[in-house]
Amino acid sequence: MECEFICEFIYSLQVPTRVSDLFPSYAGFLGSPYLGISNSDAIINGELINFDEVLHQGLLLKHAQGHLAMTYTALATLVTLGDNLARVEKNKIVQGTE
């Protein structure tokens, strides 16, 4: 159960698909939830905001980029925990590093 919780947390740090669709070089994993961004919503000044609204307004977008070292760390940790990496956006990560 603890491994599943950790895997879910790591997957919550994957750059949302809506961002990597618009900006392929942004694909990967964030280093932490410091921006308040998850795959579905954002927290700005303590307020829950739908992530589509955030994209529409351009808020935080320039900071919602995957980090190569954190992407490696996320993948290594997921593998160590026995995850099959099925939810990793592999093609987008590879495309983003080209």
C-alpha atoms as a PDB file:
ATOM      1  CA  MET A   1       0.000   0.000   0.000  1.00  0.00           C
ATOM      2  CA  GLU A   2       2.794   2.450   0.826  1.00  0.00           C
ATOM      3  CA  CYS A   3       4.464   1.784  -2.551  1.00  0.00           C
ATOM      4  CA  GLU A   4       1.207   2.579  -4.338  1.00  0.00           C
ATOM      5  CA  PHE A   5       0.928   5.877  -2.454  1.00  0.00           C
ATOM      6  CA  ILE A   6       4.493   6.835  -3.398  1.00  0.00           C
ATOM      7  CA  CYS A   7       3.907   5.886  -7.051  1.00  0.00           C
ATOM      8  CA  GLU A   8       0.746   8.006  -7.137  1.00  0.00           C
ATOM      9  CA  PHE A   9       2.649  10.947  -5.701  1.00  0.00           C
ATOM     10  CA  ILE A  10       5.381  10.561  -8.327  1.00  0.00           C
ATOM     11  CA  TYR A  11       2.826  10.343 -11.133  1.00  0.00           C
ATOM     12  CA  SER A  12       1.182  13.523  -9.824  1.00  0.00           C
ATOM     13  CA  LEU A  13       4.481  15.272 -10.656  1.00  0.00           C
ATOM     14  CA  GLN A  14       4.395  14.258 -14.316  1.00  0.00           C
ATOM     15  CA  VAL A  15       3.851  17.353 -16.459  1.00  0.00           C
ATOM     16  CA  PRO A  16       0.154  17.362 -17.386  1.00  0.00           C
ATOM     17  CA  THR A  17      -0.645  16.084 -20.883  1.00  0.00           C
ATOM     18  CA  ARG A  18      -2.297  19.380 -21.787  1.00  0.00           C
ATOM     19  CA  VAL A  19       0.999  21.171 -21.209  1.00  0.00           C
ATOM     20  CA  SER A  20       3.214  18.670 -23.029  1.00  0.00           C
ATOM     21  CA  ASP A  21       0.757  18.614 -25.955  1.00  0.00           C
ATOM     22  CA  LEU A  22       1.209  22.366 -26.369  1.00  0.00           C
ATOM     23  CA  PHE A  23       4.927  22.394 -25.569  1.00  0.00           C
ATOM     24  CA  PRO A  24       6.595  19.003 -26.233  1.00  0.00           C
ATOM     25  CA  SER A  25       9.883  20.118 -24.670  1.00  0.00           C
ATOM     26  CA  TYR A  26       8.074  20.524 -21.320  1.00  0.00           C
ATOM     27  CA  ALA A  27       7.407  16.768 -20.967  1.00  0.00           C
ATOM     28  CA  GLY A  28       8.804  14.873 -18.006  1.00  0.00           C
ATOM     29  CA  PHE A  29       8.514  15.133 -14.242  1.00  0.00           C
ATOM     30  CA  LEU A  30       8.626  18.152 -11.971  1.00  0.00           C
ATOM     31  CA  GLY A  31      10.998  18.034  -9.036  1.00  0.00           C
ATOM     32  CA  SER A  32       8.282  18.713  -6.461  1.00  0.00           C
ATOM     33  CA  PRO A  33       4.731  20.028  -6.167  1.00  0.00           C
ATOM     34  CA  TYR A  34       6.086  23.520  -5.407  1.00  0.00           C
ATOM     35  CA  LEU A  35       3.947  25.095  -8.146  1.00  0.00           C
ATOM     36  CA  GLY A  36       0.780  23.498  -6.858  1.00  0.00           C
ATOM     37  CA  ILE A  37       0.350  21.800 -10.215  1.00  0.00           C
ATOM     38  CA  SER A  38      -1.070  18.332 -10.610  1.00  0.00           C
ATOM     39  CA  ASN A  39      -2.446  16.539 -13.639  1.00  0.00           C
ATOM     40  CA  SER A  40      -5.883  18.054 -13.107  1.00  0.00           C
ATOM     41  CA  ASP A  41      -5.726  21.264 -11.147  1.00  0.00           C
ATOM     42  CA  ALA A  42      -3.578  23.968  -9.620  1.00  0.00           C
ATOM     43  CA  ILE A  43      -3.510  25.819  -6.352  1.00  0.00           C
ATOM     44  CA  ILE A  44      -2.795  29.523  -6.678  1.00  0.00           C
ATOM     45  CA  ASN A  45      -2.699  31.621  -3.517  1.00  0.00           C
ATOM     46  CA  GLY A  46      -4.432  28.802  -1.644  1.00  0.00           C
ATOM     47  CA  GLU A  47      -7.300  28.633  -4.146  1.00  0.00           C
ATOM     48  CA  LEU A  48      -8.061  25.496  -6.150  1.00  0.00           C
ATOM     49  CA  ILE A  49      -8.201  26.344  -9.848  1.00  0.00           C
ATOM     50  CA  ASN A  50      -9.025  24.044 -12.749  1.00  0.00           C
ATOM     51  CA  PHE A  51      -5.869  23.379 -14.742  1.00  0.00           C
ATOM     52  CA  ASP A  52      -7.614  24.250 -18.026  1.00  0.00           C
ATOM     53  CA  GLU A  53      -8.191  27.743 -16.644  1.00  0.00           C
ATOM     54  CA  VAL A  54      -4.530  27.986 -15.696  1.00  0.00           C
ATOM     55  CA  LEU A  55      -3.499  27.074 -19.244  1.00  0.00           C
ATOM     56  CA  HIS A  56      -6.009  29.476 -20.702  1.00  0.00           C
ATOM     57  CA  GLN A  57      -4.674  32.321 -18.611  1.00  0.00           C
ATOM     58  CA  GLY A  58      -1.054  31.328 -19.172  1.00  0.00           C
ATOM     59  CA  LEU A  59      -0.458  31.214 -15.410  1.00  0.00           C
ATOM     60  CA  LEU A  60       2.528  29.165 -14.263  1.00  0.00           C
ATOM     61  CA  LEU A  61       2.931  27.746 -17.753  1.00  0.00           C
ATOM     62  CA  LYS A  62       6.514  28.840 -18.187  1.00  0.00           C
ATOM     63  CA  HIS A  63       7.414  27.006 -14.965  1.00  0.00           C
ATOM     64  CA  ALA A  64       5.511  23.767 -15.647  1.00  0.00           C
ATOM     65  CA  GLN A  65       8.463  22.115 -17.385  1.00  0.00           C
ATOM     66  CA  GLY A  66       9.827  18.672 -16.760  1.00  0.00           C
ATOM     67  CA  HIS A  67      13.359  18.495 -15.391  1.00  0.00           C
ATOM     68  CA  LEU A  68      15.704  15.903 -16.891  1.00  0.00           C
ATOM     69  CA  ALA A  69      17.344  14.854 -13.610  1.00  0.00           C
ATOM     70  CA  MET A  70      13.962  14.688 -11.829  1.00  0.00           C
ATOM     71  CA  THR A  71      12.510  12.672 -14.702  1.00  0.00           C
ATOM     72  CA  TYR A  72      15.356  10.166 -14.338  1.00  0.00           C
ATOM     73  CA  THR A  73      14.845  10.069 -10.568  1.00  0.00           C
ATOM     74  CA  ALA A  74      11.082   9.570 -10.957  1.00  0.00           C
ATOM     75  CA  LEU A  75      11.569   6.719 -13.434  1.00  0.00           C
ATOM     76  CA  ALA A  76      14.246   5.034 -11.316  1.00  0.00           C
ATOM     77  CA  THR A  77      12.066   5.268  -8.208  1.00  0.00           C
ATOM     78  CA  LEU A  78       8.991   3.923 -10.014  1.00  0.00           C
ATOM     79  CA  VAL A  79      10.979   0.948 -11.305  1.00  0.00           C
ATOM     80  CA  THR A  80      12.450   0.314  -7.843  1.00  0.00           C
ATOM     81  CA  LEU A  81       8.923   0.288  -6.408  1.00  0.00           C
ATOM     82  CA  GLY A  82       7.812  -2.280  -8.998  1.00  0.00           C
ATOM     83  CA  ASP A  83       5.745   0.004 -11.216  1.00  0.00           C
ATOM     84  CA  ASN A  84       5.373  -1.070 -14.856  1.00  0.00           C
ATOM     85  CA  LEU A  85       5.701   2.548 -16.148  1.00  0.00           C
ATOM     86  CA  ALA A  86       2.484   2.166 -18.140  1.00  0.00           C
ATOM     87  CA  ARG A  87       1.372   5.688 -17.201  1.00  0.00           C
ATOM     88  CA  VAL A  88       4.652   7.355 -18.155  1.00  0.00           C
ATOM     89  CA  GLU A  89       4.361   9.448 -21.302  1.00  0.00           C
ATOM     90  CA  LYS A  90       7.477   7.864 -22.782  1.00  0.00           C
ATOM     91  CA  ASN A  91       7.096   9.152 -26.331  1.00  0.00           C
ATOM     92  CA  LYS A  92       6.559  12.710 -25.160  1.00  0.00           C
ATOM     93  CA  ILE A  93       9.587  12.576 -22.849  1.00  0.00           C
ATOM     94  CA  VAL A  94      11.804  11.275 -25.652  1.00  0.00           C
ATOM     95  CA  GLN A  95      10.398  13.845 -28.082  1.00  0.00           C
ATOM     96  CA  GLY A  96      10.963  16.592 -25.523  1.00  0.00           C
ATOM     97  CA  THR A  97      14.652  15.769 -25.123  1.00  0.00           C
ATOM     98  CA  GLU A  98      15.432  15.884 -28.842  1.00  0.00           C
END
